Each structure stands twice: as structure tokens, then as C-alpha cells.
Amino acid sequence: MTEHVHHESAHHESGHHHDAVHHQSAHKEIQEGKFFAVISYIAFLSVVTLLLKKHNHFAVFHAKQGLVLFVFEVGCFVLSIIPFLGWIIKTLGIVVFILMSLWGILQASMGNYSRMPFVSRISDKISL
């Protein structure tokens, strides 16, 4: 019976070791991708991140959300040509996109994988 407990303990310790290595690897990936994750929420810079950091999951996660925001920003500006209604769409769009981009920048700078409502459902469908 003592042998069984010892074996379980050794298995348990190796599980902790594996988790620690995985955590350390994830932490390193976040640190290496943080700058690119942050800039992904600034206009078209998400494309730069997707080109330069395509193997960094953290940077790509934020770049895909930033890309979706950018496409919607462009859409708002296109719709802004509509008389009066376009002005409302453009004004609301600017406020919403600035707030969402700031939120994304904050989350990326803190090293968080934070999913934006609505945006993340679309960004999840982007495959590279």
C-alpha cells in the first residue's frame, strides 16, 4: 500500500511539473506577443501583427479581434456618406470603436485573453 501512495505522489508531482512548464511557456508567449497584441487595436496595425507574429497565439488572438474592429470602423466610415443618418452612425461608431479598442489595449497589456462581446464570435471564425 505504501508503494501505491508513493507512485500516486510521484504522478501528482509530475502533473504539477507539466502544469508549471505549460504555465511558464504560456507566460513567455504572452510576454513575447504583448507589444504586438496591444498595437493590434490601433487601426490597420492588426495586419502587421498577423504578418510578423503569426505563430504567437496571444498576439494573433488580439490581432483577429483588432482586425474585426478595423473592418467595422471602415464600414462605419463608408456608411457615413449617408445624409444625416451617416453622421449618427459615424459618431456612434467612433465612440464605440475607441472604447472597445482602449479596452482591448488594456486587456492585452495586462496579458489577458479577453473576448470582446460580438467581436470575438466573428474573430473566432478567422482562420489563418
N, C-alpha and C. Protein backbone atom coordinates (compact mmCIF):
# COMPACT_ATOMS: atom_id res chain seq x y z
N MET A 1 0.82 -1.18 0.00
CA MET A 1 0.00 0.00 0.00
C MET A 1 0.87 1.26 0.00
N THR A 2 1.96 1.22 0.68
CA THR A 2 2.85 2.38 0.71
C THR A 2 3.39 2.68 -0.67
N GLU A 3 3.71 1.63 -1.44
CA GLU A 3 4.24 1.81 -2.77
C GLU A 3 3.23 2.53 -3.67
N HIS A 4 1.96 2.16 -3.56
CA HIS A 4 0.91 2.77 -4.36
C HIS A 4 0.78 4.27 -4.06
N VAL A 5 0.81 4.64 -2.81
CA VAL A 5 0.72 6.04 -2.41
C VAL A 5 1.93 6.80 -2.96
N HIS A 6 3.11 6.20 -2.88
CA HIS A 6 4.31 6.84 -3.38
C HIS A 6 4.20 7.08 -4.89
N HIS A 7 3.70 6.07 -5.61
CA HIS A 7 3.55 6.17 -7.06
C HIS A 7 2.56 7.30 -7.40
N GLU A 8 1.47 7.36 -6.66
CA GLU A 8 0.49 8.41 -6.88
C GLU A 8 1.10 9.78 -6.63
N SER A 9 1.89 9.87 -5.58
CA SER A 9 2.54 11.13 -5.23
C SER A 9 3.51 11.55 -6.35
N ALA A 10 4.27 10.61 -6.87
CA ALA A 10 5.20 10.92 -7.95
C ALA A 10 4.43 11.37 -9.19
N HIS A 11 3.30 10.71 -9.47
CA HIS A 11 2.48 11.10 -10.61
C HIS A 11 1.92 12.50 -10.40
N HIS A 12 1.50 12.77 -9.18
CA HIS A 12 0.94 14.07 -8.85
C HIS A 12 1.99 15.16 -9.02
N GLU A 13 3.20 14.90 -8.58
CA GLU A 13 4.28 15.89 -8.71
C GLU A 13 4.61 16.13 -10.17
N SER A 14 4.64 15.06 -11.00
CA SER A 14 4.96 15.25 -12.40
C SER A 14 3.84 16.03 -13.08
N GLY A 15 2.60 15.87 -12.64
CA GLY A 15 1.49 16.66 -13.16
C GLY A 15 1.69 18.13 -12.86
N HIS A 16 2.14 18.42 -11.64
CA HIS A 16 2.43 19.82 -11.28
C HIS A 16 3.57 20.36 -12.13
N HIS A 17 4.58 19.52 -12.37
CA HIS A 17 5.71 19.95 -13.19
C HIS A 17 5.24 20.29 -14.60
N HIS A 18 4.40 19.43 -15.17
CA HIS A 18 3.87 19.68 -16.52
C HIS A 18 3.07 20.97 -16.55
N ASP A 19 2.22 21.20 -15.55
CA ASP A 19 1.43 22.43 -15.47
C ASP A 19 2.34 23.65 -15.35
N ALA A 20 3.38 23.54 -14.54
CA ALA A 20 4.31 24.65 -14.35
C ALA A 20 5.04 24.98 -15.64
N VAL A 21 5.47 23.95 -16.38
CA VAL A 21 6.16 24.16 -17.66
C VAL A 21 5.20 24.80 -18.65
N HIS A 22 3.96 24.29 -18.70
CA HIS A 22 2.95 24.87 -19.60
C HIS A 22 2.68 26.32 -19.24
N HIS A 23 2.54 26.61 -17.95
CA HIS A 23 2.28 27.98 -17.49
C HIS A 23 3.44 28.89 -17.86
N GLN A 24 4.67 28.40 -17.66
CA GLN A 24 5.86 29.19 -17.98
C GLN A 24 5.92 29.46 -19.48
N SER A 25 5.59 28.46 -20.29
CA SER A 25 5.59 28.61 -21.75
C SER A 25 4.52 29.62 -22.18
N ALA A 26 3.33 29.52 -21.60
CA ALA A 26 2.24 30.46 -21.93
C ALA A 26 2.62 31.87 -21.50
N HIS A 27 3.24 31.99 -20.33
CA HIS A 27 3.68 33.31 -19.84
C HIS A 27 4.70 33.92 -20.80
N LYS A 28 5.64 33.10 -21.27
CA LYS A 28 6.67 33.58 -22.19
C LYS A 28 6.03 34.03 -23.51
N GLU A 29 5.06 33.25 -24.00
CA GLU A 29 4.38 33.60 -25.25
C GLU A 29 3.64 34.93 -25.11
N ILE A 30 2.98 35.13 -23.97
CA ILE A 30 2.26 36.38 -23.72
C ILE A 30 3.25 37.54 -23.69
N GLN A 31 4.37 37.38 -22.99
CA GLN A 31 5.36 38.46 -22.90
C GLN A 31 5.93 38.80 -24.29
N GLU A 32 6.20 37.77 -25.08
CA GLU A 32 6.77 37.99 -26.42
C GLU A 32 5.75 38.62 -27.37
N GLY A 33 4.47 38.36 -27.16
CA GLY A 33 3.44 38.86 -28.07
C GLY A 33 2.72 40.10 -27.58
N LYS A 34 3.03 40.55 -26.36
CA LYS A 34 2.26 41.63 -25.74
C LYS A 34 2.28 42.93 -26.56
N PHE A 35 3.45 43.38 -27.00
CA PHE A 35 3.53 44.62 -27.77
C PHE A 35 2.66 44.52 -29.02
N PHE A 36 2.77 43.41 -29.74
CA PHE A 36 2.01 43.25 -30.98
C PHE A 36 0.51 43.09 -30.70
N ALA A 37 0.17 42.48 -29.58
CA ALA A 37 -1.24 42.36 -29.19
C ALA A 37 -1.82 43.75 -28.93
N VAL A 38 -1.06 44.59 -28.24
CA VAL A 38 -1.52 45.95 -27.92
C VAL A 38 -1.72 46.77 -29.20
N ILE A 39 -0.74 46.76 -30.10
CA ILE A 39 -0.87 47.59 -31.31
C ILE A 39 -1.95 47.08 -32.26
N SER A 40 -2.40 45.86 -32.06
CA SER A 40 -3.43 45.29 -32.93
C SER A 40 -4.75 46.03 -32.86
N TYR A 41 -4.94 46.81 -31.83
CA TYR A 41 -6.19 47.56 -31.69
C TYR A 41 -6.08 48.97 -32.25
N ILE A 42 -4.98 49.28 -32.91
CA ILE A 42 -4.78 50.61 -33.50
C ILE A 42 -4.90 50.48 -35.01
N ALA A 43 -6.05 50.92 -35.53
CA ALA A 43 -6.34 50.94 -36.97
C ALA A 43 -5.93 49.63 -37.67
N PHE A 44 -5.11 49.75 -38.71
CA PHE A 44 -4.74 48.59 -39.54
C PHE A 44 -3.56 47.80 -38.99
N LEU A 45 -3.03 48.16 -37.83
CA LEU A 45 -1.83 47.50 -37.31
C LEU A 45 -2.05 46.03 -36.96
N SER A 46 -3.31 45.61 -36.88
CA SER A 46 -3.58 44.18 -36.66
C SER A 46 -2.99 43.36 -37.80
N VAL A 47 -2.97 43.92 -39.00
CA VAL A 47 -2.40 43.21 -40.16
C VAL A 47 -0.89 43.01 -39.95
N VAL A 48 -0.22 44.02 -39.40
CA VAL A 48 1.21 43.91 -39.11
C VAL A 48 1.46 42.76 -38.15
N THR A 49 0.63 42.69 -37.09
CA THR A 49 0.77 41.61 -36.11
C THR A 49 0.54 40.25 -36.77
N LEU A 50 -0.49 40.15 -37.60
CA LEU A 50 -0.79 38.87 -38.25
C LEU A 50 0.35 38.43 -39.17
N LEU A 51 1.06 39.38 -39.74
CA LEU A 51 2.19 39.03 -40.61
C LEU A 51 3.46 38.71 -39.83
N LEU A 52 3.73 39.48 -38.78
CA LEU A 52 5.01 39.34 -38.07
C LEU A 52 4.97 38.34 -36.90
N LYS A 53 3.81 38.14 -36.31
CA LYS A 53 3.70 37.29 -35.12
C LYS A 53 2.67 36.18 -35.31
N LYS A 54 2.58 35.63 -36.50
CA LYS A 54 1.53 34.66 -36.80
C LYS A 54 1.64 33.36 -36.01
N HIS A 55 2.77 33.10 -35.38
CA HIS A 55 2.93 31.89 -34.58
C HIS A 55 2.76 32.14 -33.08
N ASN A 56 2.44 33.37 -32.71
CA ASN A 56 2.23 33.70 -31.31
C ASN A 56 0.72 33.77 -31.06
N HIS A 57 0.20 32.76 -30.34
CA HIS A 57 -1.26 32.66 -30.14
C HIS A 57 -1.85 33.88 -29.46
N PHE A 58 -1.13 34.44 -28.50
CA PHE A 58 -1.63 35.61 -27.77
C PHE A 58 -1.76 36.81 -28.70
N ALA A 59 -0.72 37.09 -29.47
CA ALA A 59 -0.75 38.22 -30.40
C ALA A 59 -1.82 38.02 -31.47
N VAL A 60 -1.92 36.82 -32.00
CA VAL A 60 -2.91 36.52 -33.04
C VAL A 60 -4.34 36.64 -32.50
N PHE A 61 -4.56 36.17 -31.28
CA PHE A 61 -5.88 36.29 -30.65
C PHE A 61 -6.34 37.75 -30.66
N HIS A 62 -5.46 38.66 -30.22
CA HIS A 62 -5.82 40.08 -30.17
C HIS A 62 -5.83 40.70 -31.57
N ALA A 63 -4.95 40.26 -32.46
CA ALA A 63 -4.91 40.81 -33.82
C ALA A 63 -6.21 40.49 -34.57
N LYS A 64 -6.74 39.30 -34.36
CA LYS A 64 -8.00 38.94 -35.03
C LYS A 64 -9.16 39.80 -34.52
N GLN A 65 -9.19 40.07 -33.23
CA GLN A 65 -10.23 40.95 -32.70
C GLN A 65 -10.02 42.38 -33.21
N GLY A 66 -8.76 42.83 -33.25
CA GLY A 66 -8.45 44.16 -33.77
C GLY A 66 -8.82 44.30 -35.24
N LEU A 67 -8.62 43.23 -36.00
CA LEU A 67 -8.97 43.24 -37.42
C LEU A 67 -10.49 43.38 -37.60
N VAL A 68 -11.25 42.66 -36.80
CA VAL A 68 -12.71 42.76 -36.88
C VAL A 68 -13.15 44.19 -36.55
N LEU A 69 -12.58 44.78 -35.50
CA LEU A 69 -12.90 46.17 -35.15
C LEU A 69 -12.55 47.11 -36.31
N PHE A 70 -11.40 46.91 -36.91
CA PHE A 70 -10.96 47.77 -38.01
C PHE A 70 -11.93 47.67 -39.20
N VAL A 71 -12.34 46.47 -39.55
CA VAL A 71 -13.28 46.29 -40.66
C VAL A 71 -14.60 47.01 -40.37
N PHE A 72 -15.07 46.90 -39.13
CA PHE A 72 -16.30 47.62 -38.76
C PHE A 72 -16.09 49.14 -38.78
N GLU A 73 -14.91 49.60 -38.38
CA GLU A 73 -14.61 51.03 -38.43
C GLU A 73 -14.69 51.53 -39.87
N VAL A 74 -14.08 50.79 -40.79
CA VAL A 74 -14.12 51.15 -42.21
C VAL A 74 -15.57 51.16 -42.69
N GLY A 75 -16.35 50.15 -42.27
CA GLY A 75 -17.77 50.10 -42.64
C GLY A 75 -18.53 51.32 -42.16
N CYS A 76 -18.24 51.77 -40.94
CA CYS A 76 -18.89 52.98 -40.40
C CYS A 76 -18.54 54.21 -41.24
N PHE A 77 -17.28 54.31 -41.62
CA PHE A 77 -16.89 55.46 -42.42
C PHE A 77 -17.54 55.41 -43.81
N VAL A 78 -17.69 54.23 -44.38
CA VAL A 78 -18.37 54.10 -45.66
C VAL A 78 -19.83 54.53 -45.51
N LEU A 79 -20.48 54.09 -44.43
CA LEU A 79 -21.88 54.45 -44.20
C LEU A 79 -22.05 55.93 -43.84
N SER A 80 -20.97 56.59 -43.46
CA SER A 80 -21.06 58.00 -43.05
C SER A 80 -21.43 58.92 -44.21
N ILE A 81 -21.38 58.42 -45.45
CA ILE A 81 -21.77 59.25 -46.60
C ILE A 81 -23.28 59.45 -46.68
N ILE A 82 -24.04 58.60 -45.98
CA ILE A 82 -25.50 58.75 -45.98
C ILE A 82 -25.85 60.06 -45.27
N PRO A 83 -26.66 60.91 -45.90
CA PRO A 83 -27.01 62.18 -45.25
C PRO A 83 -27.67 61.97 -43.88
N PHE A 84 -27.28 62.76 -42.92
CA PHE A 84 -27.74 62.78 -41.54
C PHE A 84 -27.54 61.45 -40.80
N LEU A 85 -28.18 60.38 -41.28
CA LEU A 85 -28.04 59.07 -40.64
C LEU A 85 -26.57 58.65 -40.60
N GLY A 86 -25.85 58.95 -41.66
CA GLY A 86 -24.43 58.63 -41.73
C GLY A 86 -23.63 59.32 -40.64
N TRP A 87 -23.99 60.56 -40.33
CA TRP A 87 -23.32 61.31 -39.28
C TRP A 87 -23.52 60.62 -37.93
N ILE A 88 -24.76 60.14 -37.68
CA ILE A 88 -25.07 59.44 -36.43
C ILE A 88 -24.27 58.13 -36.35
N ILE A 89 -24.28 57.37 -37.44
CA ILE A 89 -23.54 56.10 -37.48
C ILE A 89 -22.05 56.35 -37.24
N LYS A 90 -21.50 57.37 -37.91
CA LYS A 90 -20.08 57.67 -37.78
C LYS A 90 -19.74 58.08 -36.34
N THR A 91 -20.55 58.96 -35.76
CA THR A 91 -20.29 59.45 -34.41
C THR A 91 -20.38 58.32 -33.38
N LEU A 92 -21.45 57.55 -33.44
CA LEU A 92 -21.60 56.42 -32.52
C LEU A 92 -20.49 55.39 -32.75
N GLY A 93 -20.18 55.14 -34.00
CA GLY A 93 -19.13 54.18 -34.34
C GLY A 93 -17.79 54.57 -33.77
N ILE A 94 -17.44 55.85 -33.91
CA ILE A 94 -16.15 56.33 -33.39
C ILE A 94 -16.08 56.12 -31.87
N VAL A 95 -17.14 56.49 -31.17
CA VAL A 95 -17.17 56.33 -29.71
C VAL A 95 -17.03 54.86 -29.32
N VAL A 96 -17.84 54.00 -29.96
CA VAL A 96 -17.82 52.56 -29.64
C VAL A 96 -16.46 51.96 -29.95
N PHE A 97 -15.90 52.27 -31.12
CA PHE A 97 -14.62 51.67 -31.51
C PHE A 97 -13.46 52.18 -30.67
N ILE A 98 -13.50 53.43 -30.28
CA ILE A 98 -12.44 53.94 -29.40
C ILE A 98 -12.50 53.24 -28.04
N LEU A 99 -13.71 53.13 -27.49
CA LEU A 99 -13.85 52.46 -26.19
C LEU A 99 -13.45 50.99 -26.27
N MET A 100 -13.88 50.29 -27.31
CA MET A 100 -13.53 48.87 -27.45
C MET A 100 -12.04 48.70 -27.68
N SER A 101 -11.45 49.57 -28.47
CA SER A 101 -10.01 49.49 -28.72
C SER A 101 -9.22 49.75 -27.44
N LEU A 102 -9.64 50.74 -26.67
CA LEU A 102 -8.96 51.02 -25.40
C LEU A 102 -9.08 49.83 -24.44
N TRP A 103 -10.26 49.23 -24.41
CA TRP A 103 -10.46 48.05 -23.57
C TRP A 103 -9.55 46.91 -24.03
N GLY A 104 -9.48 46.69 -25.36
CA GLY A 104 -8.60 45.65 -25.90
C GLY A 104 -7.14 45.92 -25.58
N ILE A 105 -6.71 47.18 -25.71
CA ILE A 105 -5.33 47.56 -25.40
C ILE A 105 -5.03 47.29 -23.93
N LEU A 106 -5.96 47.67 -23.07
CA LEU A 106 -5.78 47.44 -21.63
C LEU A 106 -5.66 45.95 -21.32
N GLN A 107 -6.56 45.15 -21.87
CA GLN A 107 -6.53 43.71 -21.62
C GLN A 107 -5.25 43.07 -22.16
N ALA A 108 -4.86 43.46 -23.37
CA ALA A 108 -3.63 42.90 -23.96
C ALA A 108 -2.41 43.30 -23.15
N SER A 109 -2.37 44.55 -22.68
CA SER A 109 -1.21 45.00 -21.91
C SER A 109 -1.12 44.30 -20.55
N MET A 110 -2.27 43.83 -20.05
CA MET A 110 -2.27 43.08 -18.78
C MET A 110 -2.02 41.58 -19.02
N GLY A 111 -1.89 41.17 -20.28
CA GLY A 111 -1.62 39.77 -20.59
C GLY A 111 -2.85 38.89 -20.55
N ASN A 112 -4.03 39.47 -20.74
CA ASN A 112 -5.27 38.70 -20.67
C ASN A 112 -5.79 38.32 -22.05
N TYR A 113 -6.30 37.10 -22.15
CA TYR A 113 -7.05 36.68 -23.32
C TYR A 113 -8.50 37.06 -23.04
N SER A 114 -8.92 38.26 -23.42
CA SER A 114 -10.27 38.72 -23.13
C SER A 114 -11.09 38.79 -24.41
N ARG A 115 -12.20 38.09 -24.37
CA ARG A 115 -13.07 38.03 -25.54
C ARG A 115 -14.04 39.21 -25.54
N MET A 116 -14.05 39.95 -26.63
CA MET A 116 -14.97 41.08 -26.77
C MET A 116 -16.34 40.56 -27.20
N PRO A 117 -17.39 41.05 -26.55
CA PRO A 117 -18.73 40.65 -26.97
C PRO A 117 -18.93 40.93 -28.47
N PHE A 118 -19.60 40.03 -29.14
CA PHE A 118 -19.90 40.11 -30.56
C PHE A 118 -18.64 40.00 -31.43
N VAL A 119 -17.63 40.81 -31.17
CA VAL A 119 -16.39 40.83 -31.97
C VAL A 119 -15.70 39.47 -31.95
N SER A 120 -15.60 38.86 -30.76
CA SER A 120 -14.88 37.58 -30.65
C SER A 120 -15.60 36.45 -31.40
N ARG A 121 -16.93 36.53 -31.50
CA ARG A 121 -17.65 35.50 -32.26
C ARG A 121 -17.24 35.53 -33.73
N ILE A 122 -16.97 36.71 -34.23
CA ILE A 122 -16.53 36.84 -35.62
C ILE A 122 -15.05 36.51 -35.75
N SER A 123 -14.25 37.02 -34.82
CA SER A 123 -12.79 36.79 -34.90
C SER A 123 -12.45 35.31 -34.75
N ASP A 124 -13.26 34.56 -34.00
CA ASP A 124 -13.04 33.12 -33.84
C ASP A 124 -13.13 32.39 -35.17
N LYS A 125 -13.87 32.94 -36.12
CA LYS A 125 -14.09 32.29 -37.41
C LYS A 125 -12.98 32.58 -38.40
N ILE A 126 -12.09 33.50 -38.05
CA ILE A 126 -10.97 33.84 -38.94
C ILE A 126 -9.91 32.76 -38.81
N SER A 127 -9.60 32.10 -39.91
CA SER A 127 -8.53 31.10 -39.85
C SER A 127 -7.38 31.57 -40.74
N LEU A 128 -6.20 31.39 -40.22
CA LEU A 128 -5.01 31.88 -40.95
C LEU A 128 -4.15 30.73 -41.39
